[in-house]
Protein backbone atom coordinates (compact mmCIF):
# COMPACT_ATOMS: atom_id res chain seq x y z
CA MET A 1 15.36 18.31 10.53
CA SER A 2 18.78 16.66 9.72
CA THR A 3 20.22 18.07 6.75
CA GLU A 4 22.96 15.63 6.26
CA VAL A 5 22.19 13.68 2.78
CA ARG A 6 22.61 10.07 1.35
CA PRO A 7 25.79 9.91 -1.46
CA ASP A 8 22.75 9.27 -4.00
CA THR A 9 20.61 12.37 -3.08
CA PHE A 10 22.06 14.19 -5.89
CA ALA A 11 22.31 12.07 -8.42
CA MET A 12 18.58 11.44 -7.60
CA VAL A 13 17.54 14.63 -9.05
CA GLU A 14 19.84 14.55 -12.50
CA GLY A 15 18.56 12.88 -15.45
CA PRO A 16 15.64 11.33 -16.45
CA GLY A 17 13.55 12.02 -13.15
CA PHE A 18 11.11 9.17 -13.10
CA LEU A 19 13.53 6.30 -13.72
CA ARG A 20 16.21 7.53 -11.77
CA ILE A 21 14.27 8.15 -8.74
CA LEU A 22 12.36 4.78 -9.41
CA ARG A 23 15.88 2.93 -9.40
CA ARG A 24 17.05 4.64 -6.82
CA GLU A 25 14.19 3.68 -4.72
CA LEU A 26 14.49 0.05 -5.68
CA LEU A 27 18.14 -0.13 -4.48
CA LEU A 28 16.85 1.33 -1.08
CA ALA A 29 14.01 -0.95 -0.68
CA TYR A 30 16.79 -3.92 -1.53
CA ARG A 31 19.19 -2.75 0.91
CA GLN A 32 16.15 -2.52 3.57
CA ARG A 33 14.46 -5.74 2.79
CA GLY A 34 14.71 -7.20 6.05
CA ASP A 35 12.19 -4.19 7.09
CA LEU A 36 10.24 -4.84 3.65
CA ALA A 37 9.32 -8.51 4.71
CA ASN A 38 6.96 -7.26 8.31
CA PRO A 39 4.27 -6.69 6.40
CA LEU A 40 3.97 -9.83 4.56
CA LEU A 41 5.38 -11.73 7.53
CA PHE A 42 2.48 -9.84 9.70
CA PHE A 43 -0.30 -11.16 6.72
CA LEU A 44 0.75 -14.57 6.65
CA MET A 45 1.17 -14.50 10.82
CA VAL A 46 -2.64 -13.15 11.45
CA LEU A 47 -4.17 -15.10 9.12
CA ALA A 48 -2.71 -18.64 9.95
CA LEU A 49 -4.01 -17.57 13.37
CA VAL A 50 -7.78 -17.25 12.32
CA PRO A 51 -8.20 -21.03 12.31
CA LEU A 52 -6.87 -21.19 15.82
CA GLY A 53 -9.24 -18.54 17.13
CA VAL A 54 -12.77 -19.37 15.16
CA GLY A 55 -12.16 -22.86 14.99
CA PRO A 56 -11.24 -25.50 12.09
CA ALA A 57 -14.96 -25.64 10.38
CA PRO A 58 -14.46 -25.34 6.68
CA ASP A 59 -17.81 -23.54 6.49
CA MET A 60 -17.26 -20.93 9.26
CA LEU A 61 -13.51 -20.29 7.52
CA ALA A 62 -15.18 -19.95 3.91
CA ALA A 63 -17.81 -17.28 5.43
CA LEU A 64 -15.05 -15.48 7.02
CA ALA A 65 -11.86 -15.66 4.41
CA PRO A 66 -12.94 -12.62 1.73
CA GLY A 67 -13.34 -10.25 5.01
CA MET A 68 -10.39 -11.74 6.45
CA ILE A 69 -8.09 -11.67 4.01
CA TRP A 70 -8.74 -8.12 2.86
CA ILE A 71 -8.80 -6.75 6.30
CA VAL A 72 -5.54 -8.14 7.64
CA ALA A 73 -3.99 -7.14 3.69
CA LEU A 74 -5.59 -3.64 4.36
CA LEU A 75 -3.48 -3.46 8.24
CA ALA A 76 -0.59 -4.80 6.67
CA ASN A 77 -0.46 -2.07 3.93
CA LEU A 78 -1.02 0.20 6.79
CA LEU A 79 1.92 -0.88 8.74
CA ALA A 80 4.47 -0.13 5.91
CA GLN A 81 3.18 3.28 5.18
CA ASP A 82 4.59 5.13 8.23
CA GLY A 83 8.05 4.80 6.83
CA LEU A 84 7.20 5.89 2.94
CA PHE A 85 8.99 9.57 3.41
CA ARG A 86 10.24 9.61 6.88
CA GLY A 87 13.66 8.54 5.77
CA ASP A 88 14.23 10.99 3.09
CA PHE A 89 12.87 13.48 5.43
CA ALA A 90 15.25 12.28 8.14
CA ASP A 91 18.29 12.75 6.06
CA GLY A 92 17.24 15.89 3.98
CA SER A 93 16.79 13.62 0.58
CA LEU A 94 13.03 14.52 0.36
CA GLU A 95 13.55 18.47 0.71
CA GLN A 96 16.57 17.89 -2.25
CA LEU A 97 13.70 16.62 -3.95
CA ALA A 98 11.31 19.03 -3.56
CA LEU A 99 13.70 21.42 -4.91
CA SER A 100 14.50 19.51 -7.91
CA PRO A 101 13.43 21.37 -11.31
CA GLN A 102 11.51 18.04 -12.64
CA PRO A 103 7.93 17.84 -10.59
CA LEU A 104 7.39 16.76 -7.17
CA TYR A 105 4.05 14.19 -8.73
CA PHE A 106 6.50 11.91 -10.43
CA GLY A 107 8.53 11.60 -7.37
CA VAL A 108 5.89 11.15 -5.09
CA LEU A 109 4.86 8.59 -7.69
CA ALA A 110 8.13 6.67 -8.43
CA LYS A 111 8.37 5.62 -4.52
CA VAL A 112 4.50 5.07 -4.09
CA LEU A 113 5.24 2.41 -7.21
CA VAL A 114 8.19 0.93 -5.44
CA HIS A 115 6.07 0.75 -2.12
CA TRP A 116 3.24 -1.64 -4.03
CA LEU A 117 5.99 -3.67 -5.85
CA VAL A 118 8.09 -4.47 -2.39
CA THR A 119 4.40 -4.56 -0.52
CA GLY A 120 1.34 -4.76 -2.18
CA LEU A 121 2.19 -7.28 -5.08
CA PRO A 122 3.82 -9.56 -2.59
CA LEU A 123 0.50 -9.58 -0.85
CA THR A 124 -1.70 -10.23 -3.16
CA LEU A 125 0.38 -13.38 -4.78
CA PHE A 126 0.32 -14.65 -1.22
CA ALA A 127 -3.70 -14.20 -0.78
CA PRO A 128 -4.86 -17.15 -2.77
CA VAL A 129 -2.24 -19.35 -1.32
CA LEU A 130 -3.87 -18.14 2.41
CA GLY A 131 -7.56 -18.25 0.81
CA LEU A 132 -6.36 -22.13 0.39
CA MET A 133 -5.10 -22.41 4.30
CA LEU A 134 -8.92 -20.69 4.93
CA SER A 135 -10.87 -22.90 2.54
CA LEU A 136 -11.84 -20.10 0.35
CA PRO A 137 -14.20 -21.62 -2.35
CA GLU A 138 -12.51 -22.25 -6.08
CA SER A 139 -14.57 -19.83 -7.21
CA GLY A 140 -13.52 -17.06 -4.88
CA TYR A 141 -9.57 -17.14 -6.19
CA LEU A 142 -9.80 -15.52 -9.39
CA PRO A 143 -11.57 -12.72 -7.72
CA LEU A 144 -9.46 -12.22 -4.82
CA LEU A 145 -6.16 -12.08 -7.29
CA LEU A 146 -7.68 -9.50 -9.64
CA SER A 147 -9.72 -7.34 -6.55
CA MET A 148 -5.96 -7.12 -4.90
CA LEU A 149 -3.85 -6.33 -7.57
CA LEU A 150 -5.97 -3.56 -7.66
CA GLY A 151 -7.26 -2.21 -4.55
CA THR A 152 -3.56 -2.84 -3.34
CA ALA A 153 -2.03 -0.26 -5.93
CA SER A 154 -5.05 2.28 -4.38
CA LEU A 155 -4.23 1.90 -0.72
CA SER A 156 -0.36 2.59 -1.51
CA LEU A 157 -1.84 5.41 -3.31
CA LEU A 158 -4.39 6.80 -0.88
CA GLY A 159 -1.95 5.81 2.11
CA ALA A 160 0.85 8.04 0.88
CA ILE A 161 -1.28 11.10 1.36
CA GLY A 162 -1.42 10.04 5.46
CA ALA A 163 2.18 9.58 5.07
CA GLY A 164 2.44 12.70 3.46
CA LEU A 165 1.10 14.70 5.70
CA THR A 166 2.35 13.18 8.78
CA VAL A 167 6.17 12.81 8.09
CA SER A 168 7.30 15.80 9.81
CA LEU A 169 5.99 14.42 12.83
CA HIS A 170 8.04 12.37 15.46
CA ARG A 171 5.22 10.36 17.09
CA PRO A 172 2.33 10.46 14.78
CA GLY A 173 0.55 7.48 16.61
CA LEU A 174 -2.67 6.85 15.51
CA LEU A 175 -3.17 10.43 13.54
CA LEU A 176 -2.03 7.75 10.19
CA PRO A 177 -4.47 5.69 10.24
CA LEU A 178 -7.32 8.23 11.56
CA ILE A 179 -6.51 9.71 8.00
CA VAL A 180 -6.15 6.60 5.88
CA MET A 181 -8.80 4.36 7.64
CA PRO A 182 -11.90 6.62 5.54
CA LEU A 183 -10.02 6.81 2.34
CA TYR A 184 -9.43 2.60 2.50
CA ALA A 185 -13.04 2.10 3.52
CA PRO A 186 -14.51 2.00 0.00
CA VAL A 187 -11.70 -0.02 -1.27
CA LEU A 188 -12.12 -2.62 1.42
CA ILE A 189 -15.79 -2.66 0.57
CA PHE A 190 -15.79 -3.50 -3.33
CA GLY A 191 -12.88 -5.73 -2.60
CA THR A 192 -14.39 -7.94 -0.40
CA GLY A 193 -17.94 -7.61 -2.06
CA ALA A 194 -16.06 -8.74 -5.65
CA VAL A 195 -15.00 -12.43 -3.91
CA GLN A 196 -18.28 -12.71 -1.73
CA ALA A 197 -20.13 -12.03 -5.11
CA ALA A 198 -18.01 -14.69 -7.04
CA ILE A 199 -18.84 -17.21 -4.41
CA GLU A 200 -22.31 -16.85 -4.10
CA GLY A 201 -22.26 -17.35 -7.87
CA PHE A 202 -22.85 -13.60 -9.26
CA ALA A 203 -20.98 -11.76 -11.81
CA TYR A 204 -18.01 -9.55 -9.91
CA GLY A 205 -17.25 -7.44 -12.94
CA GLY A 206 -19.04 -4.67 -11.44
CA GLN A 207 -17.20 -4.34 -8.50
CA LEU A 208 -13.59 -4.95 -10.03
CA ALA A 209 -14.52 -2.01 -12.42
CA VAL A 210 -15.52 0.29 -9.68
CA LEU A 211 -11.93 -0.72 -8.22
CA GLY A 212 -10.40 0.10 -11.57
CA ALA A 213 -12.10 3.61 -11.32
CA MET A 214 -10.68 4.01 -8.00
CA LEU A 215 -7.44 3.04 -8.98
CA ALA A 216 -7.69 5.50 -11.96
CA ALA A 217 -8.56 8.26 -10.07
CA ALA A 218 -6.24 7.77 -7.31
CA LEU A 219 -3.07 7.64 -9.77
CA ALA A 220 -4.46 10.91 -11.11
CA LEU A 221 -4.93 12.22 -8.08
CA ALA A 222 -3.53 11.11 -5.25
CA PRO A 223 0.09 12.32 -5.99
CA LEU A 224 -0.94 15.89 -6.52
CA ALA A 225 -2.30 15.59 -3.27
CA VAL A 226 1.04 13.85 -1.55
CA ALA A 227 2.75 16.50 -2.89
CA GLY A 228 0.92 19.32 -1.60
CA ALA A 229 1.46 17.46 2.04
CA LEU A 230 5.03 17.02 1.69
CA ARG A 231 5.37 20.57 0.97
CA ILE A 232 3.68 21.68 3.84
CA SER A 233 5.09 19.26 6.20
CA LEU A 234 8.55 20.64 4.53
CA SER A 235 7.74 24.12 5.08
CA ASP A 236 6.70 23.57 9.28
């Protein structure tokens, strides 16, 4: 692992930790905005190809829309997870963060929050537009937006666990998807279920409540798990 650090590494561990790290990560995200656009482009392109692959029939597209949007959003989120800690690990910033006086929990939380802001939030905002393209019934738009808002935040938190465990591997390959896919499955099930229930005329508040509970649990526990995974990776 390289010991060279970026100029702002030591500034990262001074002062009010969480806000300073958050500002630093937002600045780095802005500098790398070209790379960060890849998950959104993947999301848009794959869903744009769905009508070409299954046909333009509105009824068929409407039936597939909830599941397709959620599955592609999940994959797009996963596409951005591998680089969550890798750059900081390579230049030594991650080791400095782990050695700082403030708990690693808050550093992880700041990084995951920025990951969601630049990945999960854009996917959420574009989902209704793609729902329109896939002939999603009108009753499905609000639950789609709400479920994506809750679900993508959970995906970022859960995916960070796999990113932390594989950060020290030069070629993680399929290891990261194998770790996080079982964690993603409940989010996918209840996210799709909320939209499908609304389309069929049923109440979808129960599915959203479960997604909210998942997010609360992930917010409390995932950064702790990620911090432990990062310490294991740094000790290798």
